[in-house]
Amino acid sequence: MVALMCVDARAQEAVPTVFAPGVISGPLHDSAPAFTPDGRTVYFTRSDGPDSRILVSHLDNGHWSAPVTAPFSGQWSDMEPAMSPDGRFLVFVSNRPRSVGGKPLDGFFMGRSFPGHGGNLWKVAWENGKWGEPVRLPDVVNRSDSTFAPAVAGDGSLYFMRPAADPRHFQLFRAGWHRGGYEEPQAVPFSDGHVTDVDPAVAPDESFVVFGSSRSPARQIDLFIVFRDQGEWGTPIHLGNGVNSAGSDAEARLSPDHQTLYFASDRLAGIEPGTVRADWDNGKYNIWQIPLTPWLEAHAKAPH
């Protein structure tokens, strides 16, 4: 209880800030940053209406470069890049056809059809100083054409979301990586399909996951953290109204050292009276960041 009270006090002191305003967080919908292990390159999603692409930016002399389209993106609607902790590959979502000459994938989720806006998970490997050709992950992972939000653990295991048995909700799954292949995905214990759970961000050692959820006390989609101790997942903890806003807070991502949380939010930034609101500060998704230290330290001090 004392540890949780310390979380509350320190979390109230921490205020989310916009990540690279006007450069990476721009006037369109920007979300889902995936950093290389050195933290000096970031891939992220930029969406304009129903169409999305993956952009890349580099850190140079303390400033992020103007984003450009990643070499493996731009033709189809691509989004939600997730970097492997070792930087050797990246998994992303795309509506691209399963095979050459096919049509874009249709989606069905939240109880509705989305023609041309489905998603499968694709993998692209970093080889000889450049990205190779994307490869669709096997059917054991892409059983649904509404498979989204990948996250890669240190051993290669994959977390993602797809519609629950009740298709009005999304549910979180884990596909273990074993002997060079993915095992049958299993729903994670803290996501039972009775509420919508989205966008898992997993620590490399799978000691915790940050995710979005409509569960109580969320107002729309709020961010939660859940810890795993001795192989057992605990109860998700709401990150509080200092992190969560009255709108949508989703697309959780972790810094390479997993000490900073990045997330997408449609909140407006506070401005000084008499100043003009920036063009990026328009109620569309921007990328925000906040230290996870209060929650990680409090959990480390709590009895288990």
C-alpha atoms as a PDB file:
ATOM      1  CA  MET A   1       0.000   0.000   0.000  1.00  0.00           C
ATOM      2  CA  VAL A   2       2.834   2.416   0.843  1.00  0.00           C
ATOM      3  CA  ALA A   3       4.443   1.689  -2.533  1.00  0.00           C
ATOM      4  CA  LEU A   4       1.184   2.416  -4.347  1.00  0.00           C
ATOM      5  CA  MET A   5       0.789   5.710  -2.469  1.00  0.00           C
ATOM      6  CA  CYS A   6       4.304   6.672  -3.609  1.00  0.00           C
ATOM      7  CA  VAL A   7       3.264   5.909  -7.184  1.00  0.00           C
ATOM      8  CA  ASP A   8       0.252   8.205  -6.844  1.00  0.00           C
ATOM      9  CA  ALA A   9       2.328  11.057  -5.418  1.00  0.00           C
ATOM     10  CA  ARG A  10       5.137  10.848  -7.966  1.00  0.00           C
ATOM     11  CA  ALA A  11       2.775  10.255 -10.879  1.00  0.00           C
ATOM     12  CA  GLN A  12       0.949  13.474 -10.054  1.00  0.00           C
ATOM     13  CA  GLU A  13       4.271  15.316 -10.304  1.00  0.00           C
ATOM     14  CA  ALA A  14       5.121  13.840 -13.709  1.00  0.00           C
ATOM     15  CA  VAL A  15       3.484  15.599 -16.644  1.00  0.00           C
ATOM     16  CA  PRO A  16       3.428  14.083 -20.148  1.00  0.00           C
ATOM     17  CA  THR A  17       5.215  16.121 -22.791  1.00  0.00           C
ATOM     18  CA  VAL A  18       4.899  16.116 -26.566  1.00  0.00           C
ATOM     19  CA  PHE A  19       7.612  14.225 -28.421  1.00  0.00           C
ATOM     20  CA  ALA A  20       9.385  16.347 -31.067  1.00  0.00           C
ATOM     21  CA  PRO A  21       6.494  18.778 -31.596  1.00  0.00           C
ATOM     22  CA  GLY A  22       6.134  20.058 -35.135  1.00  0.00           C
ATOM     23  CA  VAL A  23       8.592  17.462 -36.479  1.00  0.00           C
ATOM     24  CA  ILE A  24       7.474  13.973 -35.466  1.00  0.00           C
ATOM     25  CA  SER A  25       4.280  15.053 -33.709  1.00  0.00           C
ATOM     26  CA  GLY A  26       2.768  17.016 -36.600  1.00  0.00           C
ATOM     27  CA  PRO A  27      -0.657  18.200 -37.789  1.00  0.00           C
ATOM     28  CA  LEU A  28      -1.732  14.710 -38.969  1.00  0.00           C
ATOM     29  CA  HIS A  29      -2.244  11.623 -36.801  1.00  0.00           C
ATOM     30  CA  ASP A  30       1.162  10.477 -35.482  1.00  0.00           C
ATOM     31  CA  SER A  31       1.639   7.445 -33.271  1.00  0.00           C
ATOM     32  CA  ALA A  32       3.512   4.248 -32.415  1.00  0.00           C
ATOM     33  CA  PRO A  33       7.227   5.186 -32.255  1.00  0.00           C
ATOM     34  CA  ALA A  34       9.687   2.299 -32.593  1.00  0.00           C
ATOM     35  CA  PHE A  35      13.282   3.161 -31.682  1.00  0.00           C
ATOM     36  CA  THR A  36      16.487   1.474 -32.726  1.00  0.00           C
ATOM     37  CA  PRO A  37      18.451   0.147 -29.726  1.00  0.00           C
ATOM     38  CA  ASP A  38      20.706   3.224 -29.629  1.00  0.00           C
ATOM     39  CA  GLY A  39      17.645   5.517 -29.512  1.00  0.00           C
ATOM     40  CA  ARG A  40      18.922   7.590 -32.442  1.00  0.00           C
ATOM     41  CA  THR A  41      16.468   6.447 -35.122  1.00  0.00           C
ATOM     42  CA  VAL A  42      12.712   6.231 -34.790  1.00  0.00           C
ATOM     43  CA  TYR A  43      10.068   4.699 -37.047  1.00  0.00           C
ATOM     44  CA  PHE A  44       6.467   5.759 -36.497  1.00  0.00           C
ATOM     45  CA  THR A  45       2.998   5.867 -38.062  1.00  0.00           C
ATOM     46  CA  ARG A  46       1.598   8.912 -39.804  1.00  0.00           C
ATOM     47  CA  SER A  47      -2.035   8.682 -40.883  1.00  0.00           C
ATOM     48  CA  ASP A  48      -3.997  10.963 -43.184  1.00  0.00           C
ATOM     49  CA  GLY A  49      -7.611   9.839 -43.010  1.00  0.00           C
ATOM     50  CA  PRO A  50      -7.807   6.084 -43.653  1.00  0.00           C
ATOM     51  CA  ASP A  51      -4.326   5.850 -45.205  1.00  0.00           C
ATOM     52  CA  SER A  52      -1.205   5.292 -43.129  1.00  0.00           C
ATOM     53  CA  ARG A  53       2.494   4.957 -43.779  1.00  0.00           C
ATOM     54  CA  ILE A  54       5.592   4.380 -41.716  1.00  0.00           C
ATOM     55  CA  LEU A  55       8.052   7.254 -41.501  1.00  0.00           C
ATOM     56  CA  VAL A  56      11.628   7.375 -40.219  1.00  0.00           C
ATOM     57  CA  SER A  57      13.558  10.160 -38.494  1.00  0.00           C
ATOM     58  CA  HIS A  58      17.132  10.379 -37.165  1.00  0.00           C
ATOM     59  CA  LEU A  59      18.511  12.205 -34.152  1.00  0.00           C
ATOM     60  CA  ASP A  60      21.356  14.545 -35.102  1.00  0.00           C
ATOM     61  CA  ASN A  61      22.935  17.077 -32.739  1.00  0.00           C
ATOM     62  CA  GLY A  62      19.943  16.866 -30.433  1.00  0.00           C
ATOM     63  CA  HIS A  63      17.355  17.429 -33.163  1.00  0.00           C
ATOM     64  CA  TRP A  64      15.136  14.966 -34.993  1.00  0.00           C
ATOM     65  CA  SER A  65      15.374  15.138 -38.780  1.00  0.00           C
ATOM     66  CA  ALA A  66      12.399  15.801 -41.046  1.00  0.00           C
ATOM     67  CA  PRO A  67      10.651  12.418 -41.363  1.00  0.00           C
ATOM     68  CA  VAL A  68      10.689  10.541 -44.667  1.00  0.00           C
ATOM     69  CA  THR A  69       8.829   7.413 -45.737  1.00  0.00           C
ATOM     70  CA  ALA A  70      10.566   4.222 -44.651  1.00  0.00           C
ATOM     71  CA  PRO A  71      11.954   2.222 -47.587  1.00  0.00           C
ATOM     72  CA  PHE A  72       9.571  -0.685 -46.976  1.00  0.00           C
ATOM     73  CA  SER A  73       6.449   1.511 -46.751  1.00  0.00           C
ATOM     74  CA  GLY A  74       4.460   3.902 -48.925  1.00  0.00           C
ATOM     75  CA  GLN A  75       2.522   1.713 -51.361  1.00  0.00           C
ATOM     76  CA  TRP A  76       0.013   0.185 -48.961  1.00  0.00           C
ATOM     77  CA  SER A  77      -1.530   1.313 -45.689  1.00  0.00           C
ATOM     78  CA  ASP A  78       1.220   0.444 -43.194  1.00  0.00           C
ATOM     79  CA  MET A  79       1.304   1.259 -39.502  1.00  0.00           C
ATOM     80  CA  GLU A  80       2.360   0.339 -35.965  1.00  0.00           C
ATOM     81  CA  PRO A  81       6.036  -0.573 -36.384  1.00  0.00           C
ATOM     82  CA  ALA A  82       7.565  -2.579 -33.534  1.00  0.00           C
ATOM     83  CA  MET A  83      11.332  -2.972 -33.253  1.00  0.00           C
ATOM     84  CA  SER A  84      12.921  -6.132 -31.906  1.00  0.00           C
ATOM     85  CA  PRO A  85      14.989  -5.293 -28.811  1.00  0.00           C
ATOM     86  CA  ASP A  86      18.212  -6.182 -30.663  1.00  0.00           C
ATOM     87  CA  GLY A  87      17.275  -4.057 -33.698  1.00  0.00           C
ATOM     88  CA  ARG A  88      17.665  -6.956 -36.120  1.00  0.00           C
ATOM     89  CA  PHE A  89      14.094  -6.846 -37.389  1.00  0.00           C
ATOM     90  CA  LEU A  90      10.897  -4.841 -37.286  1.00  0.00           C
ATOM     91  CA  VAL A  91       7.301  -6.093 -37.311  1.00  0.00           C
ATOM     92  CA  PHE A  92       4.536  -3.885 -38.662  1.00  0.00           C
ATOM     93  CA  VAL A  93       0.893  -3.933 -39.693  1.00  0.00           C
ATOM     94  CA  SER A  94      -0.172  -3.689 -43.324  1.00  0.00           C
ATOM     95  CA  ASN A  95      -3.305  -4.084 -45.403  1.00  0.00           C
ATOM     96  CA  ARG A  96      -1.145  -5.230 -48.342  1.00  0.00           C
ATOM     97  CA  PRO A  97      -2.306  -8.382 -50.137  1.00  0.00           C
ATOM     98  CA  ARG A  98      -1.119 -11.756 -48.905  1.00  0.00           C
ATOM     99  CA  SER A  99       0.378 -12.398 -52.341  1.00  0.00           C
ATOM    100  CA  VAL A 100       1.355 -10.351 -55.391  1.00  0.00           C
ATOM    101  CA  GLY A 101      -1.654  -9.282 -57.425  1.00  0.00           C
ATOM    102  CA  GLY A 102      -4.165  -9.676 -54.614  1.00  0.00           C
ATOM    103  CA  LYS A 103      -6.384  -7.010 -53.145  1.00  0.00           C
ATOM    104  CA  PRO A 104      -5.886  -5.088 -49.897  1.00  0.00           C
ATOM    105  CA  LEU A 105      -7.142  -6.902 -46.827  1.00  0.00           C
ATOM    106  CA  ASP A 106     -10.626  -6.230 -45.507  1.00  0.00           C
ATOM    107  CA  GLY A 107     -11.083  -5.784 -41.783  1.00  0.00           C
ATOM    108  CA  PHE A 108     -13.898  -6.713 -39.447  1.00  0.00           C
ATOM    109  CA  PHE A 109     -13.656  -5.444 -35.894  1.00  0.00           C
ATOM    110  CA  MET A 110     -15.613  -3.541 -33.269  1.00  0.00           C
ATOM    111  CA  GLY A 111     -18.705  -5.140 -34.825  1.00  0.00           C
ATOM    112  CA  ARG A 112     -18.186  -3.438 -38.215  1.00  0.00           C
ATOM    113  CA  SER A 113     -16.724  -4.152 -41.636  1.00  0.00           C
ATOM    114  CA  PHE A 114     -13.808  -2.047 -42.892  1.00  0.00           C
ATOM    115  CA  PRO A 115     -13.286  -2.821 -46.597  1.00  0.00           C
ATOM    116  CA  GLY A 116      -9.644  -2.474 -47.550  1.00  0.00           C
ATOM    117  CA  HIS A 117      -8.606  -1.608 -44.000  1.00  0.00           C
ATOM    118  CA  GLY A 118      -7.718  -4.926 -42.468  1.00  0.00           C
ATOM    119  CA  GLY A 119      -4.274  -5.831 -41.218  1.00  0.00           C
ATOM    120  CA  ASN A 120      -1.745  -8.638 -41.084  1.00  0.00           C
ATOM    121  CA  LEU A 121       1.644  -8.633 -39.396  1.00  0.00           C
ATOM    122  CA  TRP A 122       4.719  -8.402 -41.620  1.00  0.00           C
ATOM    123  CA  LYS A 123       8.400  -8.672 -40.744  1.00  0.00           C
ATOM    124  CA  VAL A 124      11.321  -6.836 -42.318  1.00  0.00           C
ATOM    125  CA  ALA A 125      14.934  -7.665 -41.438  1.00  0.00           C
ATOM    126  CA  TRP A 126      17.931  -5.327 -41.159  1.00  0.00           C
ATOM    127  CA  GLU A 127      20.684  -6.891 -43.256  1.00  0.00           C
ATOM    128  CA  ASN A 128      23.941  -5.450 -44.594  1.00  0.00           C
ATOM    129  CA  GLY A 129      23.047  -1.948 -43.461  1.00  0.00           C
ATOM    130  CA  LYS A 130      19.590  -1.792 -45.020  1.00  0.00           C
ATOM    131  CA  TRP A 131      16.079  -3.178 -44.750  1.00  0.00           C
ATOM    132  CA  GLY A 132      15.204  -6.255 -46.763  1.00  0.00           C
ATOM    133  CA  GLU A 133      11.872  -7.111 -48.340  1.00  0.00           C
ATOM    134  CA  PRO A 134       8.877  -7.463 -45.991  1.00  0.00           C
ATOM    135  CA  VAL A 135       7.684 -11.006 -45.344  1.00  0.00           C
ATOM    136  CA  ARG A 136       4.192 -11.853 -44.103  1.00  0.00           C
ATOM    137  CA  LEU A 137       4.196 -13.713 -40.803  1.00  0.00           C
ATOM    138  CA  PRO A 138       2.686 -17.211 -40.896  1.00  0.00           C
ATOM    139  CA  ASP A 139      -1.006 -17.991 -40.642  1.00  0.00           C
ATOM    140  CA  VAL A 140      -0.647 -19.152 -37.055  1.00  0.00           C
ATOM    141  CA  VAL A 141      -0.144 -15.458 -36.205  1.00  0.00           C
ATOM    142  CA  ASN A 142      -2.223 -13.918 -38.999  1.00  0.00           C
ATOM    143  CA  ARG A 143      -5.292 -16.058 -38.488  1.00  0.00           C
ATOM    144  CA  SER A 144      -7.426 -12.916 -38.541  1.00  0.00           C
ATOM    145  CA  ASP A 145      -7.240 -10.189 -41.188  1.00  0.00           C
ATOM    146  CA  SER A 146      -7.791  -7.755 -38.313  1.00  0.00           C
ATOM    147  CA  THR A 147      -4.476  -8.405 -36.566  1.00  0.00           C
ATOM    148  CA  PHE A 148      -2.818  -5.258 -35.228  1.00  0.00           C
ATOM    149  CA  ALA A 149      -0.403  -3.688 -32.714  1.00  0.00           C
ATOM    150  CA  PRO A 150       2.636  -5.991 -32.551  1.00  0.00           C
ATOM    151  CA  ALA A 151       5.224  -5.890 -29.770  1.00  0.00           C
ATOM    152  CA  VAL A 152       8.387  -8.003 -29.737  1.00  0.00           C
ATOM    153  CA  ALA A 153       9.863  -9.523 -26.573  1.00  0.00           C
ATOM    154  CA  GLY A 154      13.559 -10.194 -26.080  1.00  0.00           C
ATOM    155  CA  ASP A 155      13.275 -13.885 -26.976  1.00  0.00           C
ATOM    156  CA  GLY A 156      11.307 -13.126 -30.169  1.00  0.00           C
ATOM    157  CA  SER A 157       7.877 -13.861 -28.725  1.00  0.00           C
ATOM    158  CA  LEU A 158       5.174 -11.665 -30.192  1.00  0.00           C
ATOM    159  CA  TYR A 159       2.324  -9.793 -28.517  1.00  0.00           C
ATOM    160  CA  PHE A 160      -0.515  -8.361 -30.595  1.00  0.00           C
ATOM    161  CA  MET A 161      -4.245  -7.666 -30.669  1.00  0.00           C
ATOM    162  CA  ARG A 162      -7.066  -9.127 -32.710  1.00  0.00           C
ATOM    163  CA  PRO A 163     -10.861  -9.318 -32.305  1.00  0.00           C
ATOM    164  CA  ALA A 164     -12.088 -11.316 -29.337  1.00  0.00           C
ATOM    165  CA  ALA A 165     -14.707 -14.054 -29.554  1.00  0.00           C
ATOM    166  CA  ASP A 166     -17.108 -11.162 -29.044  1.00  0.00           C
ATOM    167  CA  PRO A 167     -16.072  -9.162 -32.153  1.00  0.00           C
ATOM    168  CA  ARG A 168     -17.159  -5.899 -30.531  1.00  0.00           C
ATOM    169  CA  HIS A 169     -13.936  -6.043 -28.507  1.00  0.00           C
ATOM    170  CA  PHE A 170     -10.226  -6.447 -29.128  1.00  0.00           C
ATOM    171  CA  GLN A 171      -8.196  -8.900 -27.061  1.00  0.00           C
ATOM    172  CA  LEU A 172      -4.449  -9.261 -26.455  1.00  0.00           C
ATOM    173  CA  PHE A 173      -2.528 -12.391 -27.464  1.00  0.00           C
ATOM    174  CA  ARG A 174       0.993 -13.774 -27.154  1.00  0.00           C
ATOM    175  CA  ALA A 175       2.644 -16.081 -29.685  1.00  0.00           C
ATOM    176  CA  GLY A 176       5.731 -17.669 -28.172  1.00  0.00           C
ATOM    177  CA  TRP A 177       8.852 -18.045 -30.307  1.00  0.00           C
ATOM    178  CA  HIS A 178      10.280 -21.567 -30.047  1.00  0.00           C
ATOM    179  CA  ARG A 179      12.798 -23.413 -32.199  1.00  0.00           C
ATOM    180  CA  GLY A 180      12.598 -20.974 -35.051  1.00  0.00           C
ATOM    181  CA  GLY A 181       8.822 -20.637 -35.257  1.00  0.00           C
ATOM    182  CA  TYR A 182       5.775 -19.152 -33.587  1.00  0.00           C
ATOM    183  CA  GLU A 183       3.663 -21.212 -31.262  1.00  0.00           C
ATOM    184  CA  GLU A 184      -0.123 -21.115 -31.256  1.00  0.00           C
ATOM    185  CA  PRO A 185      -1.130 -17.678 -29.889  1.00  0.00           C
ATOM    186  CA  GLN A 186      -2.704 -17.642 -26.452  1.00  0.00           C
ATOM    187  CA  ALA A 187      -4.805 -14.872 -24.932  1.00  0.00           C
ATOM    188  CA  VAL A 188      -2.831 -13.220 -22.138  1.00  0.00           C
ATOM    189  CA  PRO A 189      -4.428 -13.863 -18.727  1.00  0.00           C
ATOM    190  CA  PHE A 190      -5.249 -10.213 -18.035  1.00  0.00           C
ATOM    191  CA  SER A 191      -7.235  -9.807 -21.274  1.00  0.00           C
ATOM    192  CA  ASP A 192     -10.381 -11.937 -21.307  1.00  0.00           C
ATOM    193  CA  GLY A 193     -12.246 -10.373 -24.240  1.00  0.00           C
ATOM    194  CA  HIS A 194     -15.066  -8.879 -22.180  1.00  0.00           C
ATOM    195  CA  VAL A 195     -13.675  -5.360 -22.606  1.00  0.00           C
ATOM    196  CA  THR A 196     -11.508  -3.914 -25.367  1.00  0.00           C
ATOM    197  CA  ASP A 197      -7.753  -4.199 -24.770  1.00  0.00           C
ATOM    198  CA  VAL A 198      -5.344  -2.759 -27.331  1.00  0.00           C
ATOM    199  CA  ASP A 199      -1.739  -1.905 -28.186  1.00  0.00           C
ATOM    200  CA  PRO A 200       0.528  -3.940 -25.893  1.00  0.00           C
ATOM    201  CA  ALA A 201       4.043  -2.617 -25.202  1.00  0.00           C
ATOM    202  CA  VAL A 202       6.125  -5.345 -23.593  1.00  0.00           C
ATOM    203  CA  ALA A 203       9.393  -5.100 -21.668  1.00  0.00           C
ATOM    204  CA  PRO A 204      12.107  -7.228 -23.317  1.00  0.00           C
ATOM    205  CA  ASP A 205      12.122  -9.657 -20.362  1.00  0.00           C
ATOM    206  CA  GLU A 206       8.290  -9.705 -20.290  1.00  0.00           C
ATOM    207  CA  SER A 207       8.312  -8.398 -16.716  1.00  0.00           C
ATOM    208  CA  PHE A 208       5.570  -5.878 -17.534  1.00  0.00           C
ATOM    209  CA  VAL A 209       3.212  -4.751 -20.267  1.00  0.00           C
ATOM    210  CA  VAL A 210       1.653  -1.334 -20.816  1.00  0.00           C
ATOM    211  CA  PHE A 211      -1.555  -1.413 -22.853  1.00  0.00           C
ATOM    212  CA  GLY A 212      -4.713   0.517 -23.646  1.00  0.00           C
ATOM    213  CA  SER A 213      -8.104  -0.580 -22.394  1.00  0.00           C
ATOM    214  CA  SER A 214     -11.729   0.437 -22.075  1.00  0.00           C
ATOM    215  CA  ARG A 215     -11.968  -1.303 -18.664  1.00  0.00           C
ATOM    216  CA  SER A 216     -12.926   0.664 -15.557  1.00  0.00           C
ATOM    217  CA  PRO A 217     -12.019   3.393 -14.714  1.00  0.00           C
ATOM    218  CA  ALA A 218     -11.212   4.330 -18.316  1.00  0.00           C
ATOM    219  CA  ARG A 219     -13.266   7.116 -19.845  1.00  0.00           C
ATOM    220  CA  GLN A 220     -12.519   6.054 -23.436  1.00  0.00           C
ATOM    221  CA  ILE A 221      -9.278   4.135 -23.964  1.00  0.00           C
ATOM    222  CA  ASP A 222      -6.875   4.613 -21.050  1.00  0.00           C
ATOM    223  CA  LEU A 223      -3.396   3.269 -20.360  1.00  0.00           C
ATOM    224  CA  PHE A 224      -2.725   0.510 -17.819  1.00  0.00           C
ATOM    225  CA  ILE A 225       0.384  -1.326 -16.637  1.00  0.00           C
ATOM    226  CA  VAL A 226       0.508  -4.949 -15.513  1.00  0.00           C
ATOM    227  CA  PHE A 227       3.473  -6.756 -13.952  1.00  0.00           C
ATOM    228  CA  ARG A 228       4.551 -10.394 -14.088  1.00  0.00           C
ATOM    229  CA  ASP A 229       6.134 -11.950 -11.011  1.00  0.00           C
ATOM    230  CA  GLN A 230       7.381 -15.512 -10.801  1.00  0.00           C
ATOM    231  CA  GLY A 231       5.704 -16.278 -14.116  1.00  0.00           C
ATOM    232  CA  GLU A 232       2.274 -14.999 -13.078  1.00  0.00           C
ATOM    233  CA  TRP A 233       0.594 -11.853 -14.387  1.00  0.00           C
ATOM    234  CA  GLY A 234      -0.915  -9.551 -11.782  1.00  0.00           C
ATOM    235  CA  THR A 235      -3.868  -7.172 -11.931  1.00  0.00           C
ATOM    236  CA  PRO A 236      -3.637  -4.254 -14.390  1.00  0.00           C
ATOM    237  CA  ILE A 237      -3.063  -0.853 -12.751  1.00  0.00           C
ATOM    238  CA  HIS A 238      -4.593   2.299 -14.190  1.00  0.00           C
ATOM    239  CA  LEU A 239      -1.833   4.837 -14.888  1.00  0.00           C
ATOM    240  CA  GLY A 240      -3.982   7.609 -13.470  1.00  0.00           C
ATOM    241  CA  ASN A 241      -5.478  10.829 -14.766  1.00  0.00           C
ATOM    242  CA  GLY A 242      -2.091  12.522 -14.803  1.00  0.00           C
ATOM    243  CA  VAL A 243      -1.168  10.266 -17.724  1.00  0.00           C
ATOM    244  CA  ASN A 244      -4.621   9.544 -19.131  1.00  0.00           C
ATOM    245  CA  SER A 245      -6.854  12.252 -20.535  1.00  0.00           C
ATOM    246  CA  ALA A 246     -10.597  12.464 -21.098  1.00  0.00           C
ATOM    247  CA  GLY A 247     -10.004  11.432 -24.722  1.00  0.00           C
ATOM    248  CA  SER A 248      -8.187   8.483 -26.283  1.00  0.00           C
ATOM    249  CA  ASP A 249      -4.781   7.434 -24.949  1.00  0.00           C
ATOM    250  CA  ALA A 250      -3.393   4.445 -26.781  1.00  0.00           C
ATOM    251  CA  GLU A 251      -0.536   3.047 -28.924  1.00  0.00           C
ATOM    252  CA  ALA A 252       1.773   2.462 -25.959  1.00  0.00           C
ATOM    253  CA  ARG A 253       5.471   2.097 -26.788  1.00  0.00           C
ATOM    254  CA  LEU A 254       8.642   1.859 -24.672  1.00  0.00           C
ATOM    255  CA  SER A 255      12.025   3.555 -24.987  1.00  0.00           C
ATOM    256  CA  PRO A 256      14.966   1.218 -25.675  1.00  0.00           C
ATOM    257  CA  ASP A 257      15.809   1.162 -21.943  1.00  0.00           C
ATOM    258  CA  HIS A 258      12.071   0.664 -21.184  1.00  0.00           C
ATOM    259  CA  GLN A 259      12.146   3.499 -18.635  1.00  0.00           C
ATOM    260  CA  THR A 260      10.061   5.940 -20.704  1.00  0.00           C
ATOM    261  CA  LEU A 261       6.528   5.423 -21.961  1.00  0.00           C
ATOM    262  CA  TYR A 262       5.506   6.857 -25.318  1.00  0.00           C
ATOM    263  CA  PHE A 263       1.854   6.931 -26.288  1.00  0.00           C
ATOM    264  CA  ALA A 264      -0.586   8.565 -28.686  1.00  0.00           C
ATOM    265  CA  SER A 265      -3.201  10.992 -27.400  1.00  0.00           C
ATOM    266  CA  ASP A 266      -5.736  13.317 -28.977  1.00  0.00           C
ATOM    267  CA  ARG A 267      -5.502  15.768 -26.039  1.00  0.00           C
ATOM    268  CA  LEU A 268      -4.647  19.398 -26.643  1.00  0.00           C
ATOM    269  CA  ALA A 269      -1.478  20.842 -25.168  1.00  0.00           C
ATOM    270  CA  GLY A 270      -1.793  23.626 -22.637  1.00  0.00           C
ATOM    271  CA  ILE A 271      -0.862  27.054 -23.970  1.00  0.00           C
ATOM    272  CA  GLU A 272      -0.225  30.380 -22.349  1.00  0.00           C
ATOM    273  CA  PRO A 273      -3.106  32.904 -22.492  1.00  0.00           C
ATOM    274  CA  GLY A 274      -2.836  35.119 -25.548  1.00  0.00           C
ATOM    275  CA  THR A 275      -0.633  32.704 -27.535  1.00  0.00           C
ATOM    276  CA  VAL A 276      -1.621  30.988 -30.768  1.00  0.00           C
ATOM    277  CA  ARG A 277      -2.078  27.220 -30.761  1.00  0.00           C
ATOM    278  CA  ALA A 278       0.484  25.435 -32.972  1.00  0.00           C
ATOM    279  CA  ASP A 279      -0.727  23.687 -36.134  1.00  0.00           C
ATOM    280  CA  TRP A 280       0.216  20.279 -34.693  1.00  0.00           C
ATOM    281  CA  ASP A 281      -1.882  20.952 -31.571  1.00  0.00           C
ATOM    282  CA  ASN A 282      -5.231  20.294 -33.256  1.00  0.00           C
ATOM    283  CA  GLY A 283      -6.913  17.367 -31.505  1.00  0.00           C
ATOM    284  CA  LYS A 284      -5.425  14.649 -33.718  1.00  0.00           C
ATOM    285  CA  TYR A 285      -3.055  12.033 -32.354  1.00  0.00           C
ATOM    286  CA  ASN A 286       0.326  13.307 -31.243  1.00  0.00           C
ATOM    287  CA  ILE A 287       3.050  11.280 -29.566  1.00  0.00           C
ATOM    288  CA  TRP A 288       3.524  12.008 -25.860  1.00  0.00           C
ATOM    289  CA  GLN A 289       6.113  10.752 -23.393  1.00  0.00           C
ATOM    290  CA  ILE A 290       6.399  10.308 -19.641  1.00  0.00           C
ATOM    291  CA  PRO A 291       8.817   8.472 -17.305  1.00  0.00           C
ATOM    292  CA  LEU A 292       7.665   5.055 -16.106  1.00  0.00           C
ATOM    293  CA  THR A 293      10.023   5.265 -13.125  1.00  0.00           C
ATOM    294  CA  PRO A 294       7.334   5.837 -10.425  1.00  0.00           C
ATOM    295  CA  TRP A 295       5.497   2.633 -11.348  1.00  0.00           C
ATOM    296  CA  LEU A 296       8.615   0.504 -11.911  1.00  0.00           C
ATOM    297  CA  GLU A 297      10.255   1.579  -8.659  1.00  0.00           C
ATOM    298  CA  ALA A 298       7.075   1.194  -6.618  1.00  0.00           C
ATOM    299  CA  HIS A 299       6.579  -2.311  -7.964  1.00  0.00           C
ATOM    300  CA  ALA A 300      10.184  -3.243  -7.208  1.00  0.00           C
ATOM    301  CA  LYS A 301       9.705  -2.130  -3.563  1.00  0.00           C
ATOM    302  CA  ALA A 302       6.339  -3.844  -3.070  1.00  0.00           C
ATOM    303  CA  PRO A 303       6.214  -7.318  -1.491  1.00  0.00           C
ATOM    304  CA  HIS A 304       5.538 -10.116  -3.982  1.00  0.00           C
END
